[in-house]
Amino acid sequence: MKVAVLSDIHGNAEALDAVLERCDGLGVERIICLGDVVGYGADPGYCVDVIRDRADLLIAGNHDRAAVGLEDLSWMNQMAADAIVWTAERLDETQSALLSSLPFEHREADRHFVHGSPDAPETFPYILSESDARLALRATDARLTFVGHSHRAFICSEGEDEVVSVEGSYPTSADRCLVNVGSVGQPRDRDARASFCLIHPDEMTLELVRVAYDFTQTQRKILAAGLSPYLADRLSSGN
């Protein structure tokens, strides 16, 4: 069964649609979302509805919880907090109820799924460096751990010296791996394309997948909504 693991959609309808179209073309049979469906982007309700219908498993992200009043906005910068307030006003009761009900993590077989880091799922720490990734690996006994949150795609293997972040397929050996699946809706790894990870169980490989989409339409929506122009500008550079 091919499994797509994605994260950090952030209200970006165009990126989400492009990723799901790629998943359909690849014959993906199961979709797992690691949270932050909303925040920053101009289509929060649409993204919640679509991912509710398409994802088999959905994990809570910090922006999801903030949008329904379950996280304090004081830890956010003003731009992000303003976007959350804007988002909260546009979610209906059903969408808010879904975001309020999401778990912080999920374990199954040899896999661990969490938004931030397995060492503290409920506080959403960032994994921003190789040392962070290797510390996070020590916090779980899972063979494969999948995270999002930093918007930077990479694979860190316990038995390998280098962290890989280039689009492509990588074997899942006996070594344990931590995979940051990147961001669908707001990449920050100098690649403007949407990102997700594909699990090929039959071939025992993980694939970092990038998908181009029309971010100019997304940018126009963000500006029309009165959200920060920076949220629109950064989509063209992936920073």
Protein backbone atom coordinates (compact mmCIF):
# COMPACT_ATOMS: atom_id res chain seq x y z
CA MET A 1 0.00 0.00 0.00
CA LYS A 2 1.43 3.37 -1.05
CA VAL A 3 1.09 5.93 1.74
CA ALA A 4 1.49 9.70 1.39
CA VAL A 5 2.48 11.65 4.50
CA LEU A 6 1.99 15.39 4.26
CA SER A 7 1.94 18.37 6.60
CA ASP A 8 1.60 22.13 6.94
CA ILE A 9 -1.02 22.88 4.29
CA HIS A 10 -1.63 26.27 5.90
CA GLY A 11 -4.78 27.22 4.03
CA ASN A 12 -3.14 26.92 0.61
CA ALA A 13 -5.81 25.42 -1.65
CA GLU A 14 -3.75 25.47 -4.83
CA ALA A 15 -0.84 23.58 -3.27
CA LEU A 16 -3.16 21.05 -1.62
CA ASP A 17 -5.02 20.36 -4.85
CA ALA A 18 -1.74 19.88 -6.71
CA VAL A 19 -0.41 17.45 -4.10
CA LEU A 20 -3.61 15.41 -4.05
CA GLU A 21 -3.62 15.26 -7.84
CA ARG A 22 -0.05 13.92 -7.73
CA CYS A 23 -1.09 11.38 -5.07
CA ASP A 24 -3.92 10.17 -7.29
CA GLY A 25 -1.54 9.84 -10.22
CA LEU A 26 0.91 7.82 -8.12
CA GLY A 27 -1.77 5.42 -6.94
CA VAL A 28 -1.61 6.47 -3.29
CA GLU A 29 -3.99 4.38 -1.20
CA ARG A 30 -3.68 6.12 2.16
CA ILE A 31 -3.04 9.73 3.16
CA ILE A 32 -1.75 10.87 6.55
CA CYS A 33 -1.67 14.57 7.46
CA LEU A 34 0.58 15.77 10.28
CA GLY A 35 -1.33 18.96 10.99
CA ASP A 36 -1.33 22.71 10.46
CA VAL A 37 -4.09 22.52 7.90
CA VAL A 38 -4.82 26.19 8.57
CA GLY A 39 -2.96 29.42 9.32
CA TYR A 40 -1.20 31.86 6.96
CA GLY A 41 -3.26 31.03 3.85
CA ALA A 42 -6.56 32.37 2.55
CA ASP A 43 -8.52 29.10 2.15
CA PRO A 44 -8.71 27.54 5.63
CA GLY A 45 -12.25 26.19 5.38
CA TYR A 46 -11.67 24.64 1.98
CA CYS A 47 -8.48 22.93 3.15
CA VAL A 48 -10.14 21.54 6.29
CA ASP A 49 -13.03 20.14 4.27
CA VAL A 50 -10.80 18.58 1.63
CA ILE A 51 -8.33 17.01 4.03
CA ARG A 52 -11.18 15.72 6.20
CA ASP A 53 -12.53 13.88 3.17
CA ARG A 54 -9.18 12.66 1.81
CA ALA A 55 -6.97 11.91 4.82
CA ASP A 56 -7.19 8.60 6.65
CA LEU A 57 -5.37 10.04 9.65
CA LEU A 58 -5.06 13.65 10.79
CA ILE A 59 -2.75 14.88 13.58
CA ALA A 60 -3.04 18.20 15.43
CA GLY A 61 -0.74 21.07 14.51
CA ASN A 62 -0.12 24.15 16.63
CA HIS A 63 -1.90 26.46 14.17
CA ASP A 64 -4.92 24.14 14.07
CA ARG A 65 -5.21 24.28 17.85
CA ALA A 66 -4.60 28.03 17.98
CA ALA A 67 -7.38 28.64 15.46
CA VAL A 68 -9.90 26.97 17.78
CA GLY A 69 -8.66 28.60 20.98
CA LEU A 70 -6.67 25.65 22.34
CA GLU A 71 -3.26 27.37 22.12
CA ASP A 72 -2.22 30.79 23.39
CA LEU A 73 -1.34 33.23 20.62
CA SER A 74 1.33 34.93 22.74
CA TRP A 75 4.04 32.57 21.46
CA MET A 76 3.34 33.57 17.84
CA ASN A 77 4.76 36.54 16.00
CA GLN A 78 2.20 39.23 15.21
CA MET A 79 1.89 38.25 11.55
CA ALA A 80 1.08 34.64 12.42
CA ALA A 81 -1.27 35.64 15.24
CA ASP A 82 -3.18 38.02 12.97
CA ALA A 83 -3.57 35.23 10.42
CA ILE A 84 -4.92 32.90 13.12
CA VAL A 85 -7.52 35.46 14.24
CA TRP A 86 -8.54 35.92 10.60
CA THR A 87 -8.72 32.14 10.13
CA ALA A 88 -10.78 31.53 13.27
CA GLU A 89 -13.45 33.94 12.06
CA ARG A 90 -13.86 31.93 8.85
CA LEU A 91 -14.16 28.39 10.18
CA ASP A 92 -17.65 26.98 10.62
CA GLU A 93 -18.70 24.86 13.61
CA THR A 94 -18.02 21.55 11.89
CA GLN A 95 -14.54 22.61 10.79
CA SER A 96 -13.69 23.96 14.25
CA ALA A 97 -14.97 20.79 15.91
CA LEU A 98 -12.72 18.68 13.72
CA LEU A 99 -9.62 20.73 14.52
CA SER A 100 -10.49 20.59 18.23
CA SER A 101 -10.66 16.80 18.21
CA LEU A 102 -7.28 15.95 16.68
CA PRO A 103 -4.71 13.81 18.54
CA PHE A 104 -1.16 15.01 19.21
CA GLU A 105 0.44 11.84 17.86
CA HIS A 106 -0.26 8.40 16.45
CA ARG A 107 1.64 5.12 16.70
CA GLU A 108 1.12 2.10 14.49
CA ALA A 109 3.38 -0.89 13.90
CA ASP A 110 6.91 0.53 13.53
CA ARG A 111 5.80 4.09 12.68
CA HIS A 112 5.34 7.23 14.77
CA PHE A 113 3.48 10.28 13.42
CA VAL A 114 3.64 13.69 15.14
CA HIS A 115 3.53 17.35 14.10
CA GLY A 116 6.52 18.74 15.96
CA SER A 117 8.79 16.21 17.67
CA PRO A 118 8.29 12.82 19.35
CA ASP A 119 9.99 14.03 22.53
CA ALA A 120 7.20 16.54 23.32
CA PRO A 121 4.19 16.15 20.99
CA GLU A 122 1.98 18.50 23.00
CA THR A 123 4.37 21.49 22.98
CA PHE A 124 5.45 21.41 19.31
CA PRO A 125 9.24 21.86 19.50
CA TYR A 126 10.99 22.50 16.20
CA ILE A 127 13.52 20.14 14.63
CA LEU A 128 15.78 22.62 12.83
CA SER A 129 19.16 20.90 12.73
CA GLU A 130 20.78 17.50 12.39
CA SER A 131 21.48 17.45 16.12
CA ASP A 132 17.79 18.19 16.81
CA ALA A 133 16.82 15.30 14.54
CA ARG A 134 19.16 12.85 16.21
CA LEU A 135 17.94 13.87 19.67
CA ALA A 136 14.35 13.39 18.52
CA LEU A 137 15.19 9.88 17.29
CA ARG A 138 16.26 8.99 20.83
CA ALA A 139 12.81 9.96 22.11
CA THR A 140 11.01 7.19 20.22
CA ASP A 141 11.57 3.50 19.58
CA ALA A 142 9.76 3.61 16.23
CA ARG A 143 11.70 2.55 13.16
CA LEU A 144 10.15 5.34 11.06
CA THR A 145 9.16 8.67 12.62
CA PHE A 146 7.39 11.32 10.55
CA VAL A 147 7.22 15.02 11.51
CA GLY A 148 6.42 18.39 9.95
CA HIS A 149 6.32 21.83 11.63
CA SER A 150 9.63 23.29 10.39
CA HIS A 151 8.53 23.28 6.72
CA ARG A 152 11.91 21.77 5.73
CA ALA A 153 11.97 18.34 4.09
CA PHE A 154 14.74 15.90 5.04
CA ILE A 155 15.50 12.32 6.06
CA CYS A 156 17.81 11.62 9.00
CA SER A 157 18.90 7.98 9.41
CA GLU A 158 20.37 6.73 12.66
CA GLY A 159 23.18 4.83 10.95
CA GLU A 160 24.07 7.45 8.33
CA ASP A 161 26.41 10.42 8.75
CA GLU A 162 24.54 12.75 6.40
CA VAL A 163 21.00 14.11 6.39
CA VAL A 164 19.41 14.02 2.93
CA SER A 165 17.04 16.71 1.72
CA VAL A 166 17.03 16.24 -2.05
CA GLU A 167 13.95 15.12 -3.92
CA GLY A 168 14.19 11.39 -4.64
CA SER A 169 13.90 7.84 -3.27
CA TYR A 170 15.85 6.45 -0.34
CA PRO A 171 15.94 2.88 0.99
CA THR A 172 14.57 2.15 4.45
CA SER A 173 17.22 -0.16 5.84
CA ALA A 174 17.43 -1.62 9.31
CA ASP A 175 18.44 1.82 10.59
CA ARG A 176 15.80 3.96 12.23
CA CYS A 177 14.82 7.14 10.37
CA LEU A 178 13.26 10.49 11.19
CA VAL A 179 11.54 12.06 8.20
CA ASN A 180 10.45 15.67 7.98
CA VAL A 181 7.89 15.59 5.18
CA GLY A 182 8.20 19.33 4.52
CA SER A 183 5.29 21.65 3.84
CA VAL A 184 2.49 21.51 1.32
CA GLY A 185 1.46 25.13 1.63
CA GLN A 186 4.48 27.17 2.77
CA PRO A 187 7.88 25.51 2.12
CA ARG A 188 10.88 27.07 3.86
CA ASP A 189 13.75 25.04 2.41
CA ARG A 190 14.52 27.26 -0.61
CA ASP A 191 12.25 25.22 -2.88
CA ALA A 192 8.89 26.84 -3.63
CA ARG A 193 7.30 23.56 -4.67
CA ALA A 194 4.89 21.76 -2.34
CA SER A 195 6.43 18.83 -0.47
CA PHE A 196 5.32 15.47 0.88
CA CYS A 197 6.75 12.01 1.58
CA LEU A 198 5.71 8.81 -0.15
CA ILE A 199 6.12 5.45 1.58
CA HIS A 200 6.63 2.52 -0.81
CA PRO A 201 6.18 -0.48 1.54
CA ASP A 202 6.67 -3.10 -1.18
CA GLU A 203 9.97 -1.57 -2.33
CA MET A 204 11.01 -0.58 1.23
CA THR A 205 11.77 2.98 0.17
CA LEU A 206 10.86 6.51 1.23
CA GLU A 207 10.49 9.19 -1.42
CA LEU A 208 10.65 12.95 -0.92
CA VAL A 209 8.28 14.35 -3.53
CA ARG A 210 8.03 17.97 -4.74
CA VAL A 211 5.07 19.32 -6.69
CA ALA A 212 4.93 22.59 -8.62
CA TYR A 213 1.73 24.63 -8.38
CA ASP A 214 0.43 28.07 -9.34
CA PHE A 215 1.45 30.04 -6.26
CA THR A 216 0.61 33.33 -7.98
CA GLN A 217 -3.08 32.58 -7.53
CA THR A 218 -2.45 31.80 -3.85
CA GLN A 219 -0.55 35.07 -3.48
CA ARG A 220 -3.43 37.06 -4.96
CA LYS A 221 -5.86 35.49 -2.51
CA ILE A 222 -3.64 36.27 0.49
CA LEU A 223 -3.33 39.91 -0.55
CA ALA A 224 -7.05 40.21 -1.28
CA ALA A 225 -7.80 38.83 2.19
CA GLY A 226 -5.77 41.60 3.80
CA LEU A 227 -3.21 39.21 5.28
CA SER A 228 0.46 40.16 5.52
CA PRO A 229 2.11 40.66 2.10
CA TYR A 230 5.10 38.72 3.43
CA LEU A 231 2.93 35.59 3.59
CA ALA A 232 2.34 35.98 -0.13
CA ASP A 233 5.88 36.98 -1.08
CA ARG A 234 7.60 34.04 0.59
CA LEU A 235 5.67 31.51 -1.49
CA SER A 236 7.67 32.39 -4.61
CA SER A 237 11.04 31.70 -2.98
CA GLY A 238 10.34 28.87 -0.57
CA ASN A 239 11.90 30.79 2.32
